[in-house]
Protein backbone atom coordinates (compact mmCIF):
# COMPACT_ATOMS: atom_id res chain seq x y z
CA MET A 1 3.66 19.87 2.83
CA LYS A 2 3.59 16.79 0.31
CA ASN A 3 0.26 15.70 -1.26
CA ILE A 4 -0.20 11.98 -0.52
CA ALA A 5 -2.66 9.80 -2.61
CA VAL A 6 -3.54 6.35 -1.39
CA LEU A 7 -4.70 3.65 -3.75
CA VAL A 8 -7.00 1.03 -2.22
CA SER A 9 -9.00 -1.96 -3.19
CA GLY A 10 -10.62 -3.32 -0.03
CA GLY A 11 -11.11 -2.55 3.54
CA GLY A 12 -8.58 -0.03 4.01
CA THR A 13 -6.92 -1.02 7.33
CA ASN A 14 -3.51 0.25 6.14
CA LEU A 15 -5.28 3.54 4.90
CA GLN A 16 -6.84 3.78 8.48
CA ALA A 17 -3.34 3.23 9.88
CA LEU A 18 -2.03 6.12 7.69
CA LEU A 19 -5.07 8.35 8.50
CA ASP A 20 -4.44 7.70 12.32
CA ALA A 21 -0.79 8.50 11.92
CA GLU A 22 -1.44 11.74 10.17
CA LYS A 23 -3.87 12.78 13.05
CA SER A 24 -1.28 11.88 15.74
CA GLY A 25 1.48 13.53 14.04
CA ILE A 26 3.41 10.81 13.02
CA ILE A 27 3.07 11.81 9.32
CA LYS A 28 3.72 15.55 9.50
CA SER A 29 5.50 16.16 6.22
CA GLY A 30 2.57 15.29 4.24
CA LYS A 31 -1.11 15.11 4.08
CA ILE A 32 -3.34 12.48 2.67
CA SER A 33 -5.44 14.49 0.04
CA LEU A 34 -6.81 11.83 -2.21
CA VAL A 35 -8.03 8.30 -1.85
CA ILE A 36 -8.56 6.22 -5.24
CA SER A 37 -10.20 2.93 -5.36
CA ASN A 38 -10.66 0.44 -8.24
CA LYS A 39 -13.51 -0.99 -6.60
CA ALA A 40 -16.78 1.10 -6.15
CA ASP A 41 -17.79 -0.77 -2.93
CA ALA A 42 -14.45 -0.68 -1.14
CA TYR A 43 -14.85 -0.02 2.60
CA ALA A 44 -11.59 2.01 2.44
CA LEU A 45 -13.76 4.81 0.67
CA GLU A 46 -15.92 4.98 3.62
CA ARG A 47 -12.77 5.48 5.91
CA ALA A 48 -11.63 8.25 3.81
CA LYS A 49 -14.96 10.12 3.78
CA ASN A 50 -15.12 9.81 7.46
CA ALA A 51 -11.80 11.38 7.61
CA GLY A 52 -12.90 14.22 5.33
CA VAL A 53 -10.46 13.03 2.42
CA GLU A 54 -11.58 13.46 -1.01
CA THR A 55 -12.18 10.06 -2.91
CA ALA A 56 -12.31 8.74 -6.38
CA VAL A 57 -13.36 5.44 -8.06
CA VAL A 58 -11.66 4.32 -11.35
CA LEU A 59 -13.06 1.10 -12.63
CA LYS A 60 -10.90 -0.94 -15.07
CA LYS A 61 -14.07 -2.34 -16.91
CA ASN A 62 -14.85 1.20 -17.90
CA TYR A 63 -11.67 1.52 -20.06
CA GLU A 64 -10.61 -0.31 -23.31
CA SER A 65 -7.03 -0.72 -22.18
CA ARG A 66 -4.86 -0.75 -19.08
CA GLU A 67 -3.38 2.60 -20.55
CA GLY A 68 -6.88 4.14 -20.45
CA PHE A 69 -7.44 2.95 -16.77
CA GLU A 70 -4.03 4.05 -15.71
CA GLY A 71 -4.27 7.36 -17.61
CA ALA A 72 -7.53 8.05 -15.51
CA ILE A 73 -5.68 7.77 -12.27
CA ILE A 74 -2.74 9.90 -13.49
CA ASP A 75 -5.12 12.57 -14.49
CA LEU A 76 -6.60 12.54 -10.90
CA LEU A 77 -3.12 12.45 -9.41
CA THR A 78 -1.97 15.33 -11.72
CA LYS A 79 -5.22 17.39 -10.98
CA LYS A 80 -4.47 17.07 -7.05
CA LYS A 81 -0.73 17.71 -7.52
CA ILE A 82 0.20 14.45 -5.69
CA ASP A 83 3.70 14.14 -4.70
CA ILE A 84 3.59 10.61 -3.22
CA ILE A 85 1.38 7.50 -3.97
CA VAL A 86 0.84 4.82 -1.43
CA LEU A 87 -0.40 1.50 -2.48
CA ALA A 88 -2.45 0.15 0.58
CA GLY A 89 -3.83 -3.20 -0.50
CA PHE A 90 -4.29 -2.03 -4.12
CA MET A 91 -4.88 -5.15 -6.09
CA VAL A 92 -3.79 -3.82 -9.37
CA ILE A 93 -0.12 -4.44 -10.73
CA LEU A 94 0.84 -0.90 -12.31
CA SER A 95 2.72 -0.93 -15.66
CA GLU A 96 6.28 0.23 -16.18
CA ASN A 97 4.71 3.39 -17.96
CA PHE A 98 2.93 4.27 -14.77
CA THR A 99 5.68 3.48 -12.37
CA LYS A 100 8.36 5.47 -14.36
CA LYS A 101 6.26 8.59 -14.09
CA TYR A 102 6.90 8.60 -10.30
CA PRO A 103 10.27 7.20 -9.64
CA GLU A 104 10.87 6.76 -5.91
CA ARG A 105 7.41 8.15 -5.26
CA ILE A 106 5.26 5.10 -5.22
CA ILE A 107 5.36 3.15 -1.86
CA ASN A 108 3.93 -0.31 -1.25
CA VAL A 109 3.65 -2.33 1.78
CA HIS A 110 4.11 -6.25 1.49
CA PRO A 111 3.20 -8.77 4.34
CA SER A 112 6.56 -10.43 4.22
CA LEU A 113 10.11 -9.83 4.59
CA ILE A 114 11.32 -9.27 0.93
CA PRO A 115 12.92 -11.17 -0.75
CA SER A 116 10.87 -13.89 0.85
CA PHE A 117 7.27 -14.73 -0.45
CA CYS A 118 7.03 -11.87 -2.72
CA GLY A 119 6.45 -11.21 -6.49
CA GLU A 120 3.68 -12.06 -8.76
CA GLY A 121 0.86 -14.17 -6.97
CA PHE A 122 2.21 -13.24 -3.71
CA TYR A 123 -0.61 -11.20 -2.08
CA GLY A 124 -3.12 -11.34 0.85
CA LEU A 125 -3.24 -14.72 2.50
CA HIS A 126 -1.31 -16.38 -0.04
CA VAL A 127 1.74 -14.73 1.44
CA HIS A 128 1.00 -15.98 5.05
CA GLU A 129 0.13 -19.56 3.67
CA ALA A 130 3.30 -19.73 1.98
CA ALA A 131 5.45 -18.60 4.90
CA LEU A 132 3.54 -21.31 7.11
CA SER A 133 3.86 -23.97 4.72
CA TYR A 134 7.66 -23.40 4.26
CA GLY A 135 8.00 -23.44 7.95
CA VAL A 136 9.92 -20.07 8.54
CA LYS A 137 10.13 -18.97 12.18
CA VAL A 138 10.05 -15.13 11.45
CA THR A 139 8.07 -13.16 8.80
CA GLY A 140 7.05 -9.65 9.04
CA ALA A 141 6.34 -6.61 6.60
CA THR A 142 8.30 -4.66 4.13
CA VAL A 143 7.75 -1.22 2.74
CA HIS A 144 9.41 -0.53 -0.48
CA PHE A 145 9.27 1.70 -3.63
CA VAL A 146 7.38 0.38 -6.54
CA ASN A 147 9.14 -0.13 -9.94
CA GLU A 148 8.04 -2.23 -13.02
CA ILE A 149 8.86 -5.61 -11.11
CA PRO A 150 6.14 -6.78 -8.57
CA ASP A 151 7.63 -6.27 -5.05
CA GLY A 152 10.92 -5.36 -6.81
CA GLY A 153 11.65 -1.80 -5.83
CA LYS A 154 14.25 -0.57 -3.20
CA ILE A 155 13.50 -1.50 0.44
CA ILE A 156 12.66 1.62 2.65
CA MET A 157 11.71 -0.18 5.88
CA GLN A 158 11.25 -3.75 7.27
CA LYS A 159 9.90 -5.21 10.55
CA ALA A 160 10.29 -8.78 11.71
CA VAL A 161 7.08 -10.67 13.34
CA GLU A 162 7.43 -13.91 15.17
CA ILE A 163 5.55 -17.02 13.71
CA LYS A 164 3.93 -18.88 16.68
CA GLU A 165 2.85 -22.56 17.23
CA GLY A 166 -0.81 -22.92 15.99
CA ASP A 167 -0.72 -19.86 13.69
CA THR A 168 -3.19 -20.11 10.85
CA PRO A 169 -2.79 -17.83 7.78
CA GLU A 170 -5.54 -15.66 9.07
CA ILE A 171 -3.99 -15.22 12.64
CA LEU A 172 -0.59 -14.51 11.06
CA GLN A 173 -2.14 -12.03 8.75
CA LYS A 174 -3.60 -10.13 11.66
CA ARG A 175 -0.48 -10.15 13.63
CA VAL A 176 1.78 -8.97 10.79
CA MET A 177 -0.77 -6.18 10.11
CA GLU A 178 -0.74 -5.10 13.84
CA GLU A 179 2.86 -5.52 14.56
CA ALA A 180 4.44 -4.49 11.33
CA GLU A 181 2.39 -3.21 8.54
CA TRP A 182 0.52 -0.54 10.54
CA LYS A 183 3.60 0.75 12.27
CA ILE A 184 6.25 0.85 9.47
CA LEU A 185 3.94 2.07 6.67
CA PRO A 186 3.15 5.35 8.28
CA MET A 187 6.91 5.68 9.42
CA ALA A 188 8.03 4.92 5.89
CA VAL A 189 5.59 7.63 4.41
CA GLU A 190 6.95 10.22 6.68
CA LYS A 191 10.49 9.36 5.91
CA VAL A 192 9.81 9.58 2.17
CA ALA A 193 7.75 12.85 2.51
CA SER A 194 10.31 14.42 4.79
CA GLU A 195 13.16 13.71 2.22
CA LEU A 196 11.39 14.79 -0.91
């Protein structure tokens, strides 16, 4: 059984999808044993507590450098013997020093079909705004390994989502989450955990 840590910054809808998938047996080769947030008021922490998962908060402002901040996260991961790290709406780009410690063990979900609408600056609603303004007919979500390049790691899984007439960024964001992110993220976590 692999130990999984989930890194969060906000509401934790992807975390909830993972917790539900573990409960229903979609994730059976790993166990979510730690949730770390870089925001003390992230609702994701409540979701973790409700599921009986240990939580920790690491605030960037408490450290003089990025190395100190990342070092504190690494210490927590090491103590809990974490095998796989899932970034679920974690709004911090991790340094090469961090990602190199966990090659092909850090997983991220991105709300587009990479290589479209990805990289630095493409997060949250920005991704869906870009897809709509470009006029693409299909978008989706991608689960990929994390390396030193934002959204640059090897793709694990993708799922397409149709763009509909009258979509707003908010409507599209919700559909991409429901139809793609919440489905392929748990499946990708299980795939990685079962192959480690």
